[in-house]
C-alpha atoms as a PDB file:
ATOM      1  CA  MET A   1     101.974  90.090 141.442  1.00  0.00           C
ATOM      2  CA  ALA A   2      98.582  91.101 140.253  1.00  0.00           C
ATOM      3  CA  LYS A   3      99.495  94.723 140.058  1.00  0.00           C
ATOM      4  CA  LEU A   4     102.427  93.605 137.864  1.00  0.00           C
ATOM      5  CA  VAL A   5     100.188  91.768 135.454  1.00  0.00           C
ATOM      6  CA  LEU A   6      97.719  94.722 135.371  1.00  0.00           C
ATOM      7  CA  LEU A   7     100.377  96.972 134.841  1.00  0.00           C
ATOM      8  CA  ILE A   8     101.888  94.601 131.674  1.00  0.00           C
ATOM      9  CA  ALA A   9      98.373  94.381 130.472  1.00  0.00           C
ATOM     10  CA  ILE A  10      97.787  98.238 130.039  1.00  0.00           C
ATOM     11  CA  ILE A  11     101.035  98.659 128.569  1.00  0.00           C
ATOM     12  CA  VAL A  12     100.252  96.126 125.939  1.00  0.00           C
ATOM     13  CA  VAL A  13      97.017  97.501 125.301  1.00  0.00           C
ATOM     14  CA  VAL A  14      98.827 101.057 124.654  1.00  0.00           C
ATOM     15  CA  VAL A  15     101.304  99.808 122.454  1.00  0.00           C
ATOM     16  CA  LEU A  16      98.522  98.168 120.378  1.00  0.00           C
ATOM     17  CA  ILE A  17      96.584 101.144 119.942  1.00  0.00           C
ATOM     18  CA  VAL A  18      99.737 103.364 119.135  1.00  0.00           C
ATOM     19  CA  ARG A  19     100.787 100.847 116.575  1.00  0.00           C
ATOM     20  CA  GLY A  20      97.316 101.151 115.040  1.00  0.00           C
ATOM     21  CA  PHE A  21      97.437 105.062 114.837  1.00  0.00           C
ATOM     22  CA  VAL A  22     100.938 104.689 113.259  1.00  0.00           C
ATOM     23  CA  ARG A  23      99.714 102.455 110.982  1.00  0.00           C
ATOM     24  CA  LYS A  24      96.986 104.424 109.822  1.00  0.00           C
ATOM     25  CA  ALA A  25      99.008 107.412 109.327  1.00  0.00           C
ATOM     26  CA  ALA A  26     101.644 105.436 107.313  1.00  0.00           C
ATOM     27  CA  SER A  27      99.183 104.221 104.705  1.00  0.00           C
ATOM     28  CA  ALA A  28      97.479 107.749 104.194  1.00  0.00           C
ATOM     29  CA  ARG A  29     100.716 108.940 103.504  1.00  0.00           C
ATOM     30  CA  GLN A  30     101.386 105.962 101.214  1.00  0.00           C
ATOM     31  CA  ALA A  31      98.194 106.658  99.383  1.00  0.00           C
ATOM     32  CA  GLU A  32      98.909 110.370  99.008  1.00  0.00           C
ATOM     33  CA  ALA A  33     102.263 109.612  97.730  1.00  0.00           C
ATOM     34  CA  GLY A  34     100.643 106.954  95.129  1.00  0.00           C
ATOM     35  CA  LYS A  35      99.123 109.980  93.197  1.00  0.00           C
ATOM     36  CA  PRO A  36     100.346 110.536  89.867  1.00  0.00           C
ATOM     37  CA  ALA A  37     102.750 113.277  89.759  1.00  0.00           C
ATOM     38  CA  GLU A  38     101.142 115.084  87.105  1.00  0.00           C
ATOM     39  CA  GLU A  39      97.552 115.333  89.232  1.00  0.00           C
ATOM     40  CA  GLN A  40      99.613 116.568  92.283  1.00  0.00           C
ATOM     41  CA  ALA A  41     101.254 119.216  90.232  1.00  0.00           C
ATOM     42  CA  GLN A  42      98.006 120.352  89.104  1.00  0.00           C
ATOM     43  CA  GLU A  43      96.407 120.360  92.625  1.00  0.00           C
ATOM     44  CA  ALA A  44      99.498 122.853  93.601  1.00  0.00           C
ATOM     45  CA  LYS A  45      99.485 125.327  90.242  1.00  0.00           C
ATOM     46  CA  LEU A  46      97.759 128.268  90.831  1.00  0.00           C
ATOM     47  CA  VAL A  47      95.546 130.141  87.923  1.00  0.00           C
ATOM     48  CA  ARG A  48      94.585 133.867  87.948  1.00  0.00           C
ATOM     49  CA  CYS A  49      90.986 134.713  87.591  1.00  0.00           C
ATOM     50  CA  VAL A  50      90.092 136.658  84.558  1.00  0.00           C
ATOM     51  CA  GLU A  51      87.329 138.608  86.221  1.00  0.00           C
ATOM     52  CA  CYS A  52      88.960 139.816  89.525  1.00  0.00           C
ATOM     53  CA  GLY A  53      92.722 138.727  89.101  1.00  0.00           C
ATOM     54  CA  ALA A  54      92.739 136.525  92.317  1.00  0.00           C
ATOM     55  CA  PHE A  55      95.019 133.522  92.278  1.00  0.00           C
ATOM     56  CA  VAL A  56      93.190 130.198  92.998  1.00  0.00           C
ATOM     57  CA  PRO A  57      94.362 126.531  92.750  1.00  0.00           C
ATOM     58  CA  LYS A  58      93.749 125.197  89.136  1.00  0.00           C
ATOM     59  CA  GLY A  59      91.821 122.191  90.923  1.00  0.00           C
ATOM     60  CA  GLU A  60      89.102 124.802  92.344  1.00  0.00           C
ATOM     61  CA  ALA A  61      89.140 126.828  89.646  1.00  0.00           C
ATOM     62  CA  LEU A  62      86.210 126.903  86.910  1.00  0.00           C
ATOM     63  CA  PRO A  63      87.345 126.915  83.297  1.00  0.00           C
ATOM     64  CA  VAL A  64      85.748 129.525  81.062  1.00  0.00           C
ATOM     65  CA  PRO A  65      86.478 130.388  77.256  1.00  0.00           C
ATOM     66  CA  ASN A  66      89.274 132.811  77.991  1.00  0.00           C
ATOM     67  CA  GLY A  67      90.701 131.401  81.059  1.00  0.00           C
ATOM     68  CA  PHE A  68      89.692 130.255  84.440  1.00  0.00           C
ATOM     69  CA  ARG A  69      87.266 132.339  87.161  1.00  0.00           C
ATOM     70  CA  CYS A  70      87.513 131.787  90.836  1.00  0.00           C
ATOM     71  CA  GLY A  71      84.204 130.777  93.073  1.00  0.00           C
ATOM     72  CA  ASN A  72      84.189 134.156  94.705  1.00  0.00           C
ATOM     73  CA  GLY A  73      81.243 135.578  92.979  1.00  0.00           C
ATOM     74  CA  CYS A  74      83.130 135.733  89.564  1.00  0.00           C
ATOM     75  CA  ALA A  75      81.726 132.382  88.334  1.00  0.00           C
ATOM     76  CA  GLY A  76      78.167 133.404  88.363  1.00  0.00           C
ATOM     77  CA  ARG A  77      79.045 136.278  86.234  1.00  0.00           C
END
């Protein structure tokens, strides 16, 4: 009988831990989905570096008067 109670207790603890992970993942997905569509589109958009011609995400590119520059050494020039 004690073995059965212990087994049930272990199963309950495992279920609670799994539920916690699932809820955390769901809330993270919901937070990501809550971003404005315009912000998500800008993160995904690629721009070309005017110095070396490499494509970089617009969020990581550095704006300059004639376009954008990447951070691979072009930004310091």
